[in-house]
Amino acid sequence: VQLVESGGDLVQPGGSLRVSCAASGFTIRNYRMTWYRQAPGKERELVAGIGSGGISTNYVNSVKGRFTISRDNAKNTVYLQMNSLKPEDTAVYYCFVPTLNLWGQGTQVTVSS
């Protein structure tokens, strides 16, 4: 049972990036899925969450209107589309399944010119 994030990269301010979280050993269909991030010297924070049905979503205020969480249950994968990226979005992004208390290893997103 594991989560594997991918897609992190160095991107310029104003750019876009999509990170992915692929699950294995279980099906994500029945679970609420979330993305967290942790910037250097800061606590890990909840960025976005999506319900098992894929309809209910929530976001931290700082990313509303810029980030979109989605899920593809057939691919057992969750995505975080990030647009209009800012330097303060720089962090390691983690996938987390609250019900299973299961974390991925994280993927680094760096926003810098």
N, C-alpha and C. Protein backbone atom coordinates (compact mmCIF):
# COMPACT_ATOMS: atom_id res chain seq x y z
N VAL A 1 0.86 -1.18 0.00
CA VAL A 1 0.00 0.00 0.00
C VAL A 1 0.89 1.23 0.00
N GLN A 2 0.80 2.03 -1.06
CA GLN A 2 1.65 3.22 -1.10
C GLN A 2 1.09 4.28 -2.06
N LEU A 3 1.61 5.50 -1.85
CA LEU A 3 1.31 6.63 -2.72
C LEU A 3 2.63 7.13 -3.29
N VAL A 4 2.64 7.41 -4.58
CA VAL A 4 3.85 7.90 -5.23
C VAL A 4 3.52 9.19 -5.96
N GLU A 5 4.11 10.29 -5.50
CA GLU A 5 3.91 11.57 -6.16
C GLU A 5 4.94 11.76 -7.26
N SER A 6 4.56 12.52 -8.26
CA SER A 6 5.47 12.85 -9.35
C SER A 6 5.04 14.17 -9.98
N GLY A 7 5.92 14.72 -10.81
CA GLY A 7 5.59 15.93 -11.55
C GLY A 7 6.18 17.20 -11.00
N GLY A 8 6.81 17.14 -9.84
CA GLY A 8 7.43 18.33 -9.29
C GLY A 8 8.56 18.82 -10.18
N ASP A 9 8.77 20.14 -10.17
CA ASP A 9 9.77 20.70 -11.07
C ASP A 9 10.09 22.13 -10.65
N LEU A 10 11.06 22.72 -11.35
CA LEU A 10 11.36 24.14 -11.21
C LEU A 10 10.55 24.88 -12.27
N VAL A 11 9.79 25.88 -11.85
CA VAL A 11 8.94 26.62 -12.78
C VAL A 11 9.04 28.11 -12.46
N GLN A 12 8.89 28.93 -13.49
CA GLN A 12 8.96 30.37 -13.29
C GLN A 12 7.67 30.91 -12.69
N PRO A 13 7.75 32.02 -11.97
CA PRO A 13 6.53 32.64 -11.45
C PRO A 13 5.53 32.90 -12.57
N GLY A 14 4.27 32.62 -12.29
CA GLY A 14 3.23 32.76 -13.29
C GLY A 14 3.02 31.51 -14.12
N GLY A 15 3.88 30.54 -13.96
CA GLY A 15 3.79 29.30 -14.73
C GLY A 15 2.81 28.31 -14.14
N SER A 16 2.71 27.17 -14.81
CA SER A 16 1.79 26.11 -14.39
C SER A 16 2.52 24.79 -14.26
N LEU A 17 1.93 23.93 -13.44
CA LEU A 17 2.51 22.61 -13.21
C LEU A 17 1.40 21.70 -12.73
N ARG A 18 1.47 20.44 -13.11
CA ARG A 18 0.54 19.44 -12.57
C ARG A 18 1.33 18.35 -11.88
N VAL A 19 1.01 18.11 -10.63
CA VAL A 19 1.61 17.01 -9.90
C VAL A 19 0.59 15.89 -9.76
N SER A 20 1.10 14.66 -9.71
CA SER A 20 0.25 13.48 -9.68
C SER A 20 0.56 12.65 -8.44
N CYS A 21 -0.44 11.89 -8.03
CA CYS A 21 -0.29 10.97 -6.90
C CYS A 21 -0.90 9.64 -7.33
N ALA A 22 -0.05 8.66 -7.57
CA ALA A 22 -0.50 7.35 -8.00
C ALA A 22 -0.55 6.41 -6.80
N ALA A 23 -1.69 5.78 -6.60
CA ALA A 23 -1.86 4.86 -5.48
C ALA A 23 -1.70 3.42 -5.96
N SER A 24 -1.17 2.61 -5.08
CA SER A 24 -1.06 1.17 -5.37
C SER A 24 -1.34 0.39 -4.10
N GLY A 25 -1.85 -0.82 -4.28
CA GLY A 25 -2.16 -1.67 -3.14
C GLY A 25 -3.54 -1.45 -2.55
N PHE A 26 -4.23 -0.44 -3.05
CA PHE A 26 -5.60 -0.17 -2.63
C PHE A 26 -6.25 0.69 -3.70
N THR A 27 -7.56 0.78 -3.68
CA THR A 27 -8.26 1.62 -4.63
C THR A 27 -8.68 2.91 -3.95
N ILE A 28 -8.44 4.01 -4.65
CA ILE A 28 -8.75 5.32 -4.05
C ILE A 28 -10.24 5.63 -4.11
N ARG A 29 -10.99 4.81 -4.83
CA ARG A 29 -12.39 5.10 -5.12
C ARG A 29 -13.20 5.45 -3.87
N ASN A 30 -12.88 4.78 -2.77
CA ASN A 30 -13.70 4.93 -1.57
C ASN A 30 -13.20 5.98 -0.59
N TYR A 31 -12.15 6.70 -0.98
CA TYR A 31 -11.49 7.55 -0.01
C TYR A 31 -11.42 9.01 -0.43
N ARG A 32 -11.57 9.87 0.55
CA ARG A 32 -11.23 11.28 0.38
C ARG A 32 -9.72 11.36 0.23
N MET A 33 -9.27 12.18 -0.74
CA MET A 33 -7.85 12.33 -1.02
C MET A 33 -7.45 13.79 -0.80
N THR A 34 -6.23 14.00 -0.34
CA THR A 34 -5.79 15.36 -0.06
C THR A 34 -4.36 15.60 -0.53
N TRP A 35 -4.05 16.87 -0.72
CA TRP A 35 -2.68 17.32 -0.99
C TRP A 35 -2.27 18.25 0.14
N TYR A 36 -1.08 18.04 0.66
CA TYR A 36 -0.45 18.92 1.64
C TYR A 36 0.84 19.46 1.03
N ARG A 37 1.37 20.48 1.65
CA ARG A 37 2.68 20.97 1.26
C ARG A 37 3.44 21.44 2.48
N GLN A 38 4.75 21.40 2.37
CA GLN A 38 5.61 21.87 3.45
C GLN A 38 6.76 22.66 2.87
N ALA A 39 6.78 23.94 3.21
CA ALA A 39 7.86 24.81 2.78
C ALA A 39 8.97 24.78 3.83
N PRO A 40 10.19 25.13 3.43
CA PRO A 40 11.31 25.11 4.38
C PRO A 40 11.02 25.97 5.61
N GLY A 41 11.21 25.40 6.79
CA GLY A 41 11.01 26.14 8.02
C GLY A 41 9.57 26.35 8.42
N LYS A 42 8.65 25.76 7.68
CA LYS A 42 7.23 25.94 7.99
C LYS A 42 6.57 24.60 8.27
N GLU A 43 5.40 24.66 8.90
CA GLU A 43 4.64 23.45 9.17
C GLU A 43 3.95 22.96 7.89
N ARG A 44 3.70 21.68 7.86
CA ARG A 44 2.96 21.11 6.74
C ARG A 44 1.53 21.64 6.78
N GLU A 45 1.00 22.05 5.62
CA GLU A 45 -0.35 22.58 5.58
C GLU A 45 -1.19 21.88 4.53
N LEU A 46 -2.49 21.79 4.81
CA LEU A 46 -3.43 21.23 3.87
C LEU A 46 -3.66 22.22 2.73
N VAL A 47 -3.46 21.76 1.51
CA VAL A 47 -3.63 22.61 0.34
C VAL A 47 -5.00 22.39 -0.30
N ALA A 48 -5.38 21.12 -0.49
CA ALA A 48 -6.64 20.82 -1.17
C ALA A 48 -7.09 19.43 -0.81
N GLY A 49 -8.41 19.23 -0.89
CA GLY A 49 -8.99 17.92 -0.65
C GLY A 49 -10.12 17.66 -1.62
N ILE A 50 -10.38 16.38 -1.89
CA ILE A 50 -11.46 16.01 -2.80
C ILE A 50 -12.16 14.80 -2.24
N GLY A 51 -13.49 14.84 -2.23
CA GLY A 51 -14.26 13.73 -1.71
C GLY A 51 -14.20 12.51 -2.62
N SER A 52 -14.69 11.39 -2.08
CA SER A 52 -14.61 10.14 -2.84
C SER A 52 -15.40 10.21 -4.14
N GLY A 53 -16.45 11.01 -4.15
CA GLY A 53 -17.26 11.14 -5.36
C GLY A 53 -16.68 12.10 -6.38
N GLY A 54 -15.66 12.82 -5.98
CA GLY A 54 -15.01 13.74 -6.91
C GLY A 54 -15.71 15.07 -7.09
N ILE A 55 -16.78 15.29 -6.35
CA ILE A 55 -17.55 16.53 -6.51
C ILE A 55 -17.18 17.55 -5.45
N SER A 56 -17.07 17.09 -4.23
CA SER A 56 -16.76 18.00 -3.13
C SER A 56 -15.27 18.26 -3.07
N THR A 57 -14.90 19.54 -3.16
CA THR A 57 -13.49 19.93 -3.06
C THR A 57 -13.34 21.09 -2.08
N ASN A 58 -12.16 21.22 -1.53
CA ASN A 58 -11.87 22.36 -0.68
C ASN A 58 -10.41 22.75 -0.85
N TYR A 59 -10.14 24.03 -0.60
CA TYR A 59 -8.79 24.58 -0.82
C TYR A 59 -8.43 25.54 0.29
N VAL A 60 -7.15 25.62 0.57
CA VAL A 60 -6.66 26.67 1.46
C VAL A 60 -6.83 28.00 0.72
N ASN A 61 -7.11 29.06 1.45
CA ASN A 61 -7.42 30.34 0.83
C ASN A 61 -6.33 30.82 -0.13
N SER A 62 -5.10 30.55 0.20
CA SER A 62 -3.99 31.09 -0.59
C SER A 62 -3.90 30.50 -2.00
N VAL A 63 -4.59 29.39 -2.26
CA VAL A 63 -4.51 28.77 -3.60
C VAL A 63 -5.85 28.78 -4.33
N LYS A 64 -6.89 29.26 -3.69
CA LYS A 64 -8.21 29.29 -4.33
C LYS A 64 -8.17 30.09 -5.63
N GLY A 65 -8.77 29.51 -6.68
CA GLY A 65 -8.76 30.17 -7.97
C GLY A 65 -7.53 29.89 -8.80
N ARG A 66 -6.50 29.29 -8.19
CA ARG A 66 -5.26 28.99 -8.92
C ARG A 66 -5.00 27.48 -9.03
N PHE A 67 -5.37 26.74 -7.99
CA PHE A 67 -5.11 25.30 -7.96
C PHE A 67 -6.43 24.54 -8.14
N THR A 68 -6.33 23.37 -8.76
CA THR A 68 -7.49 22.50 -8.93
C THR A 68 -7.10 21.07 -8.62
N ILE A 69 -7.81 20.46 -7.68
CA ILE A 69 -7.60 19.06 -7.37
C ILE A 69 -8.60 18.23 -8.16
N SER A 70 -8.15 17.08 -8.64
CA SER A 70 -9.04 16.19 -9.39
C SER A 70 -8.60 14.76 -9.15
N ARG A 71 -9.46 13.85 -9.56
CA ARG A 71 -9.14 12.44 -9.37
C ARG A 71 -9.61 11.64 -10.58
N ASP A 72 -8.85 10.59 -10.88
CA ASP A 72 -9.22 9.64 -11.92
C ASP A 72 -9.22 8.27 -11.24
N ASN A 73 -10.39 7.84 -10.81
CA ASN A 73 -10.47 6.57 -10.08
C ASN A 73 -10.05 5.39 -10.94
N ALA A 74 -10.29 5.47 -12.23
CA ALA A 74 -9.91 4.37 -13.13
C ALA A 74 -8.40 4.20 -13.18
N LYS A 75 -7.69 5.33 -13.05
CA LYS A 75 -6.22 5.29 -13.05
C LYS A 75 -5.66 5.24 -11.64
N ASN A 76 -6.57 5.27 -10.65
CA ASN A 76 -6.14 5.24 -9.25
C ASN A 76 -5.16 6.37 -8.93
N THR A 77 -5.46 7.53 -9.46
CA THR A 77 -4.54 8.66 -9.39
C THR A 77 -5.28 9.95 -9.04
N VAL A 78 -4.61 10.78 -8.26
CA VAL A 78 -5.12 12.10 -7.91
C VAL A 78 -4.15 13.14 -8.46
N TYR A 79 -4.70 14.27 -8.88
CA TYR A 79 -3.88 15.31 -9.49
C TYR A 79 -4.06 16.64 -8.75
N LEU A 80 -3.05 17.48 -8.88
CA LEU A 80 -3.16 18.86 -8.43
C LEU A 80 -2.62 19.75 -9.55
N GLN A 81 -3.54 20.44 -10.22
CA GLN A 81 -3.16 21.38 -11.27
C GLN A 81 -2.90 22.73 -10.61
N MET A 82 -1.71 23.27 -10.83
CA MET A 82 -1.32 24.52 -10.21
C MET A 82 -1.03 25.56 -11.28
N ASN A 83 -1.80 26.63 -11.28
CA ASN A 83 -1.64 27.71 -12.23
C ASN A 83 -1.23 28.99 -11.51
N SER A 84 -0.74 29.95 -12.28
CA SER A 84 -0.32 31.25 -11.72
C SER A 84 0.56 31.06 -10.49
N LEU A 85 1.53 30.21 -10.62
CA LEU A 85 2.37 29.87 -9.48
C LEU A 85 3.17 31.07 -8.98
N LYS A 86 3.35 31.10 -7.67
CA LYS A 86 4.08 32.17 -7.00
C LYS A 86 5.27 31.59 -6.25
N PRO A 87 6.28 32.39 -5.98
CA PRO A 87 7.43 31.87 -5.22
C PRO A 87 7.01 31.27 -3.88
N GLU A 88 5.98 31.81 -3.26
CA GLU A 88 5.53 31.28 -1.98
C GLU A 88 4.84 29.92 -2.08
N ASP A 89 4.64 29.42 -3.30
CA ASP A 89 4.13 28.07 -3.50
C ASP A 89 5.24 27.03 -3.45
N THR A 90 6.47 27.49 -3.38
CA THR A 90 7.60 26.58 -3.30
C THR A 90 7.50 25.72 -2.05
N ALA A 91 7.54 24.40 -2.25
CA ALA A 91 7.37 23.46 -1.14
C ALA A 91 7.51 22.04 -1.66
N VAL A 92 7.59 21.12 -0.72
CA VAL A 92 7.41 19.71 -1.07
C VAL A 92 5.92 19.42 -0.95
N TYR A 93 5.36 18.85 -2.00
CA TYR A 93 3.94 18.55 -2.04
C TYR A 93 3.73 17.06 -1.77
N TYR A 94 2.83 16.78 -0.83
CA TYR A 94 2.57 15.42 -0.39
C TYR A 94 1.11 15.05 -0.64
N CYS A 95 0.91 13.80 -1.01
CA CYS A 95 -0.42 13.22 -1.09
C CYS A 95 -0.69 12.51 0.23
N PHE A 96 -1.95 12.61 0.72
CA PHE A 96 -2.30 12.02 2.01
C PHE A 96 -3.72 11.50 1.97
N VAL A 97 -3.90 10.27 2.49
CA VAL A 97 -5.23 9.67 2.62
C VAL A 97 -5.59 9.68 4.10
N PRO A 98 -6.46 10.58 4.53
CA PRO A 98 -6.74 10.72 5.96
C PRO A 98 -7.23 9.43 6.63
N THR A 99 -8.14 8.73 5.97
CA THR A 99 -8.72 7.53 6.59
C THR A 99 -7.69 6.45 6.83
N LEU A 100 -6.69 6.37 5.97
CA LEU A 100 -5.65 5.36 6.09
C LEU A 100 -4.40 5.88 6.78
N ASN A 101 -4.38 7.19 7.07
CA ASN A 101 -3.18 7.84 7.61
C ASN A 101 -1.97 7.47 6.76
N LEU A 102 -2.11 7.61 5.46
CA LEU A 102 -1.10 7.18 4.51
C LEU A 102 -0.55 8.39 3.75
N TRP A 103 0.78 8.54 3.83
CA TRP A 103 1.47 9.64 3.16
C TRP A 103 2.32 9.12 2.00
N GLY A 104 2.47 9.95 0.98
CA GLY A 104 3.44 9.68 -0.04
C GLY A 104 4.79 10.26 0.37
N GLN A 105 5.78 10.11 -0.52
CA GLN A 105 7.13 10.56 -0.19
C GLN A 105 7.35 12.02 -0.54
N GLY A 106 6.46 12.60 -1.32
CA GLY A 106 6.53 14.01 -1.66
C GLY A 106 7.22 14.27 -2.99
N THR A 107 6.91 15.41 -3.58
CA THR A 107 7.55 15.87 -4.81
C THR A 107 7.84 17.36 -4.67
N GLN A 108 9.04 17.77 -5.07
CA GLN A 108 9.48 19.15 -4.87
C GLN A 108 8.97 20.06 -5.98
N VAL A 109 8.33 21.14 -5.57
CA VAL A 109 7.92 22.18 -6.50
C VAL A 109 8.66 23.46 -6.12
N THR A 110 9.40 24.01 -7.06
CA THR A 110 10.14 25.23 -6.83
C THR A 110 9.71 26.29 -7.84
N VAL A 111 9.30 27.43 -7.33
CA VAL A 111 8.85 28.52 -8.19
C VAL A 111 9.87 29.65 -8.06
N SER A 112 10.61 29.86 -9.13
CA SER A 112 11.69 30.85 -9.08
C SER A 112 12.08 31.27 -10.49
N SER A 113 12.51 32.51 -10.61
CA SER A 113 12.99 32.99 -11.89
C SER A 113 14.50 32.81 -12.00
